[in-house]
Protein backbone atom coordinates (compact mmCIF):
# COMPACT_ATOMS: atom_id res chain seq x y z
CA UNK A 1 222.09 300.75 270.59
CA UNK A 2 223.97 301.09 267.09
CA UNK A 3 222.41 301.66 263.56
CA UNK A 4 222.02 298.34 262.49
CA UNK A 5 219.79 297.38 265.56
CA UNK A 6 217.73 300.54 264.74
CA UNK A 7 217.32 299.48 261.36
CA UNK A 8 216.35 295.70 262.33
CA UNK A 9 213.73 297.05 264.92
CA UNK A 10 211.97 299.42 262.32
CA UNK A 11 212.08 296.34 259.86
CA UNK A 12 210.19 294.32 262.85
CA UNK A 13 207.60 297.24 263.31
CA UNK A 14 206.98 297.30 259.64
CA UNK A 15 206.55 293.43 259.08
CA UNK A 16 204.00 293.52 262.10
CA UNK A 17 202.11 296.38 260.66
CA UNK A 18 201.96 294.99 257.06
CA UNK A 19 200.74 291.70 258.88
CA UNK A 20 198.16 293.32 260.76
CA UNK A 21 196.86 295.32 257.72
CA UNK A 22 196.80 291.87 255.74
CA UNK A 23 194.44 290.32 258.45
CA UNK A 24 192.37 293.35 258.35
CA UNK A 25 191.83 293.18 254.56
CA UNK A 26 190.98 289.51 254.77
CA UNK A 27 188.26 290.17 257.06
CA UNK A 28 186.09 292.42 254.56
CA UNK A 29 185.79 296.19 254.17
CA UNK A 30 183.90 296.55 257.28
CA UNK A 31 187.24 296.06 259.12
CA UNK A 32 189.61 297.61 256.65
CA UNK A 33 191.77 300.66 258.08
CA UNK A 34 190.07 304.05 257.10
CA UNK A 35 191.96 306.35 255.30
CA UNK A 36 192.45 310.00 255.92
CA UNK A 37 192.25 311.68 259.38
CA UNK A 38 189.33 311.64 261.61
CA UNK A 39 187.36 314.75 261.97
CA UNK A 40 187.96 316.36 265.15
CA UNK A 41 185.08 317.15 267.32
CA UNK A 42 184.76 321.12 268.43
CA UNK A 43 186.08 321.61 271.77
CA UNK A 44 183.77 322.42 275.16
CA UNK A 45 185.06 325.99 275.27
CA UNK A 46 184.25 326.61 271.30
CA UNK A 47 181.02 325.07 271.90
CA UNK A 48 180.18 327.35 274.90
CA UNK A 49 181.34 330.51 273.15
CA UNK A 50 178.95 329.65 270.11
CA UNK A 51 175.88 328.79 272.45
CA UNK A 52 176.52 332.17 274.22
CA UNK A 53 176.74 334.21 271.07
CA UNK A 54 173.49 332.48 269.92
CA UNK A 55 171.65 332.99 273.13
CA UNK A 56 172.73 336.55 273.39
CA UNK A 57 171.70 337.35 269.78
CA UNK A 58 168.25 335.80 270.45
CA UNK A 59 167.68 337.48 273.82
CA UNK A 60 168.72 340.88 272.43
CA UNK A 61 166.75 340.72 269.40
CA UNK A 62 163.59 339.32 271.66
CA UNK A 63 164.09 342.44 274.15
CA UNK A 64 164.54 344.99 271.35
CA UNK A 65 161.05 344.09 270.33
CA UNK A 66 159.58 344.35 273.93
CA UNK A 67 161.33 347.49 274.98
CA UNK A 68 161.75 349.55 271.93
CA UNK A 69 165.55 348.42 271.57
CA UNK A 70 166.13 349.91 275.25
CA UNK A 71 167.90 348.28 278.21
CA UNK A 72 165.41 346.18 279.96
CA UNK A 73 166.81 347.41 283.50
CA UNK A 74 167.30 351.02 283.14
CA UNK A 75 165.20 351.80 279.82
CA UNK A 76 167.46 354.62 279.00
CA UNK A 77 170.43 353.33 276.88
CA UNK A 78 170.21 350.59 273.79
CA UNK A 79 170.74 347.16 274.56
CA UNK A 80 174.51 346.01 273.86
CA UNK A 81 174.54 342.76 275.55
CA UNK A 82 172.99 339.80 277.12
CA UNK A 83 172.68 340.45 281.09
CA UNK A 84 171.95 337.32 283.54
CA UNK A 85 169.34 338.42 286.26
CA UNK A 86 170.52 335.62 288.44
CA UNK A 87 174.69 335.71 287.98
CA UNK A 88 175.85 332.69 285.86
CA UNK A 89 177.50 330.35 288.56
CA UNK A 90 179.87 327.63 287.17
CA UNK A 91 177.21 324.93 287.29
CA UNK A 92 174.16 326.73 287.54
CA UNK A 93 171.00 325.30 285.74
CA UNK A 94 170.03 329.14 285.06
CA UNK A 95 173.03 330.18 283.31
CA UNK A 96 171.87 328.98 279.83
CA UNK A 97 168.41 329.38 280.52
CA UNK A 98 166.77 332.03 278.18
CA UNK A 99 164.64 333.28 280.71
CA UNK A 100 167.34 334.23 283.11
CA UNK A 101 169.06 336.53 280.20
CA UNK A 102 167.68 339.81 279.21
CA UNK A 103 169.09 342.36 277.16
CA UNK A 104 170.94 345.40 278.73
CA UNK A 105 173.29 348.09 278.49
CA UNK A 106 176.75 347.86 279.27
CA UNK A 107 176.48 350.33 282.23
CA UNK A 108 173.92 348.19 284.03
CA UNK A 109 175.87 344.97 283.39
CA UNK A 110 179.01 346.43 284.88
CA UNK A 111 176.94 348.49 287.24
CA UNK A 112 175.35 345.46 289.05
CA UNK A 113 178.74 343.73 289.99
CA UNK A 114 179.02 346.17 293.04
CA UNK A 115 175.54 346.66 293.70
CA UNK A 116 173.91 343.05 293.76
CA UNK A 117 171.35 344.01 296.53
CA UNK A 118 169.89 347.23 294.61
CA UNK A 119 169.87 345.55 291.28
CA UNK A 120 167.99 342.47 293.07
CA UNK A 121 165.39 344.95 294.14
CA UNK A 122 165.17 346.49 290.76
CA UNK A 123 164.79 342.91 289.18
CA UNK A 124 162.10 342.02 291.83
CA UNK A 125 160.27 345.31 290.64
CA UNK A 126 160.76 344.53 286.88
CA UNK A 127 159.99 340.81 286.61
CA UNK A 128 158.03 340.10 289.94
CA UNK A 129 158.93 338.47 293.08
CA UNK A 130 157.32 334.81 291.72
CA UNK A 131 159.52 335.01 288.59
CA UNK A 132 162.80 335.81 290.34
CA UNK A 133 162.39 333.43 293.17
CA UNK A 134 161.71 330.84 290.42
CA UNK A 135 165.04 331.57 288.64
CA UNK A 136 166.79 331.69 292.16
CA UNK A 137 165.70 328.05 292.87
CA UNK A 138 166.60 326.89 289.49
CA UNK A 139 170.15 328.64 289.86
CA UNK A 140 170.76 326.21 293.05
CA UNK A 141 170.51 323.31 290.74
CA UNK A 142 173.74 322.04 289.32
CA UNK A 143 173.95 320.76 285.89
CA UNK A 144 176.80 319.50 283.99
CA UNK A 145 176.60 320.28 280.51
CA UNK A 146 177.78 317.79 277.78
CA UNK A 147 179.00 318.35 274.11
CA UNK A 148 175.53 317.66 272.32
CA UNK A 149 173.79 319.66 275.02
CA UNK A 150 175.53 322.86 273.77
CA UNK A 151 174.84 321.72 270.14
CA UNK A 152 171.24 321.49 270.71
CA UNK A 153 171.06 324.58 272.88
CA UNK A 154 172.78 326.59 270.03
CA UNK A 155 170.39 325.22 267.49
CA UNK A 156 167.43 326.00 269.42
CA UNK A 157 168.46 329.50 270.03
CA UNK A 158 169.40 329.95 266.46
CA UNK A 159 165.71 328.71 265.44
CA UNK A 160 164.23 330.93 267.92
CA UNK A 161 166.30 333.78 266.70
CA UNK A 162 165.34 332.85 263.06
CA UNK A 163 161.65 332.88 263.97
CA UNK A 164 161.79 336.09 265.64
CA UNK A 165 163.12 337.78 262.49
CA UNK A 166 160.50 335.79 260.49
CA UNK A 167 163.18 333.55 258.86
CA UNK A 168 161.40 330.54 259.62
CA UNK A 169 158.07 328.76 260.25
CA UNK A 170 158.35 328.03 263.81
CA UNK A 171 155.26 329.19 265.60
CA UNK A 172 155.63 332.32 267.86
CA UNK A 173 154.12 330.82 270.88
CA UNK A 174 157.16 328.27 271.32
CA UNK A 175 159.18 331.18 271.79
C-alpha cells in the first residue's frame, strides 16, 4: 500500500463517520452521540477492598465496645484487625458476613493458621456450638457476589459503623 491508497482509505472512513453522525443528528437528541468519556465503573478488586475495609472498621468498633477494646479471642492485646471465625474461602457466603468476623489481635489471627483445631475449640467455648455450627453451614454455601452486592454491603457496613459512633439515626437494634 502506498501513501495515496492510505490517504484515500482514511478519507472514505471519515465520510462514513460524517454520514453516520448526520443520520444520528437527524433522529433527534435522544440518538445524538454523547460527548466526553463514559464514566468507568470501579473494578471488583477495588470494591472488595473497600467492602473489607468497611466491614473490618465496623467489626473492630463493635467489638471494642463489647470487650473494652481487647482481642475477642485472647482478651489480652488490643484489637488491630478483623478476624474470620470460619476461614474466608474463595466463594463462601460467610466471608462477608459480619457475624463471622470479630475484632482480634495480629497474634491470634496469625496463630490460628497452624493451629486450626485448637482455635476451633476456643471459638466454640467463646461463641457457643450452635453459633459456630450455623457459621460452618453458611460457609458451605457458595455465593458469587456482583458489583452491586459489594456496593450495597459497603454502604451497609458504613451505616452500621456510623450508627455505632452515634453519627446516624439508625436504631441500634438493626445492628
